[in-house]
C-alpha cells in the first residue's frame, strides 16, 4: 500500500513538473447597462476579427449571461477578441468592442456596457 501511495505521489510531481496546468485560457465577461447594473440574459458573441464582427458572422463562441450578468468562455486562443453583447434593443456598438490580448492559461475578465 505504501508503494502505491509513493507511485501516486511521483506521478503528481511529474505532472506538476511538466508544466501541465488545469486552467485553460478563459474569458469571463460581465455585462452592465448604462446605470452600472448587471444584465441577466444578454447574448454575448466573440469574433476573432473585425470584419466578422461588423458582419455579425462566424462567431467563435456564444453564450448568455447568468443572473449575475456574467458569461464564461473557456479554452480560447490567447488573442484579442471582438465582443458583441445584446439584449432587447440594447447593445455595445460604439464602445469597448475589443478585448485586450488574453493571457494564456489564465482567467481573463472584462466588463461590457450595453446601452
Protein backbone atom coordinates (compact mmCIF):
# COMPACT_ATOMS: atom_id res chain seq x y z
CA UNK A 1 0.00 0.00 0.00
CA UNK A 2 2.84 2.42 0.81
CA UNK A 3 4.41 1.65 -2.53
CA UNK A 4 1.14 2.57 -4.29
CA UNK A 5 0.98 5.90 -2.44
CA UNK A 6 4.60 6.57 -3.34
CA UNK A 7 3.92 5.92 -7.06
CA UNK A 8 0.85 8.17 -6.97
CA UNK A 9 2.90 10.94 -5.37
CA UNK A 10 5.60 10.54 -8.03
CA UNK A 11 3.01 10.83 -10.79
CA UNK A 12 1.60 14.04 -9.28
CA UNK A 13 5.08 15.55 -9.01
CA UNK A 14 5.91 14.54 -12.60
CA UNK A 15 2.73 16.14 -13.92
CA UNK A 16 3.37 19.33 -11.95
CA UNK A 17 6.97 19.49 -13.15
CA UNK A 18 5.93 19.07 -16.78
CA UNK A 19 4.12 22.39 -16.77
CA UNK A 20 0.68 20.82 -17.05
CA UNK A 21 -1.95 23.32 -15.97
CA UNK A 22 -5.60 22.72 -15.30
CA UNK A 23 -6.60 26.29 -16.14
CA UNK A 24 -7.29 26.92 -19.79
CA UNK A 25 -7.38 30.36 -21.37
CA UNK A 26 -10.71 31.67 -20.11
CA UNK A 27 -12.65 34.89 -20.57
CA UNK A 28 -15.32 35.99 -18.08
CA UNK A 29 -17.43 38.85 -19.40
CA UNK A 30 -19.70 40.91 -17.15
CA UNK A 31 -22.44 42.80 -18.99
CA UNK A 32 -23.75 46.02 -17.42
CA UNK A 33 -26.31 48.58 -18.50
CA UNK A 34 -25.72 52.34 -18.71
CA UNK A 35 -26.52 52.69 -14.98
CA UNK A 36 -23.96 50.06 -13.98
CA UNK A 37 -26.49 47.31 -13.19
CA UNK A 38 -25.61 43.78 -14.30
CA UNK A 39 -27.72 42.42 -17.15
CA UNK A 40 -29.11 38.89 -16.96
CA UNK A 41 -30.00 37.11 -20.21
CA UNK A 42 -27.79 39.12 -22.56
CA UNK A 43 -26.44 37.24 -25.58
CA UNK A 44 -22.67 37.60 -25.98
CA UNK A 45 -20.72 36.55 -29.06
CA UNK A 46 -16.97 36.55 -29.66
CA UNK A 47 -15.31 37.17 -33.02
CA UNK A 48 -11.65 36.79 -33.96
CA UNK A 49 -11.56 39.64 -36.46
CA UNK A 50 -13.24 42.98 -37.07
CA UNK A 51 -14.73 42.03 -40.43
CA UNK A 52 -16.66 39.09 -38.92
CA UNK A 53 -17.71 41.31 -36.02
CA UNK A 54 -19.05 44.01 -38.37
CA UNK A 55 -20.91 41.42 -40.46
CA UNK A 56 -22.01 39.51 -37.33
CA UNK A 57 -20.89 36.19 -38.82
CA UNK A 58 -18.50 33.37 -37.88
CA UNK A 59 -18.70 33.86 -34.11
CA UNK A 60 -16.14 31.60 -32.41
CA UNK A 61 -18.14 31.43 -29.17
CA UNK A 62 -21.57 32.44 -27.93
CA UNK A 63 -23.21 32.46 -24.52
CA UNK A 64 -25.87 34.06 -22.35
CA UNK A 65 -25.24 35.95 -19.13
CA UNK A 66 -26.33 34.38 -15.86
CA UNK A 67 -28.25 36.02 -13.00
CA UNK A 68 -25.10 37.96 -12.06
CA UNK A 69 -24.62 39.30 -15.61
CA UNK A 70 -21.62 37.05 -16.29
CA UNK A 71 -20.90 34.70 -19.17
CA UNK A 72 -17.81 32.46 -19.21
CA UNK A 73 -15.91 31.29 -22.27
CA UNK A 74 -13.29 28.55 -21.85
CA UNK A 75 -10.47 27.12 -23.93
CA UNK A 76 -9.89 30.25 -26.03
CA UNK A 77 -6.86 31.34 -28.01
CA UNK A 78 -4.64 33.95 -26.35
CA UNK A 79 -5.63 36.72 -28.79
CA UNK A 80 -7.81 39.84 -28.63
CA UNK A 81 -11.49 39.25 -29.38
CA UNK A 82 -14.27 41.47 -30.67
CA UNK A 83 -17.28 41.26 -28.33
CA UNK A 84 -20.91 41.76 -29.30
CA UNK A 85 -23.34 41.88 -26.37
CA UNK A 86 -27.07 42.38 -26.92
CA UNK A 87 -30.34 42.22 -25.04
CA UNK A 88 -33.60 43.50 -26.46
CA UNK A 89 -32.76 46.88 -28.04
CA UNK A 90 -29.55 47.34 -26.00
CA UNK A 91 -26.06 46.59 -27.37
CA UNK A 92 -22.42 47.65 -27.04
CA UNK A 93 -21.92 49.09 -30.54
CA UNK A 94 -19.62 52.09 -30.48
CA UNK A 95 -17.77 51.46 -27.27
CA UNK A 96 -15.29 48.90 -25.98
CA UNK A 97 -15.96 46.18 -28.51
CA UNK A 98 -12.46 44.69 -28.46
CA UNK A 99 -10.72 42.97 -25.56
CA UNK A 100 -7.02 43.23 -24.92
CA UNK A 101 -4.92 40.19 -25.81
CA UNK A 102 -5.93 37.40 -23.43
CA UNK A 103 -3.30 36.00 -21.12
CA UNK A 104 -2.73 32.33 -21.88
CA UNK A 105 -3.79 29.78 -19.25
CA UNK A 106 -5.39 32.50 -17.12
CA UNK A 107 -8.88 33.62 -16.23
CA UNK A 108 -9.25 36.94 -18.06
CA UNK A 109 -12.07 39.34 -17.08
CA UNK A 110 -13.70 42.23 -18.92
CA UNK A 111 -16.83 44.32 -18.49
CA UNK A 112 -19.02 45.35 -21.41
CA UNK A 113 -21.61 48.14 -21.20
CA UNK A 114 -24.73 47.92 -23.31
CA UNK A 115 -26.92 50.96 -23.97
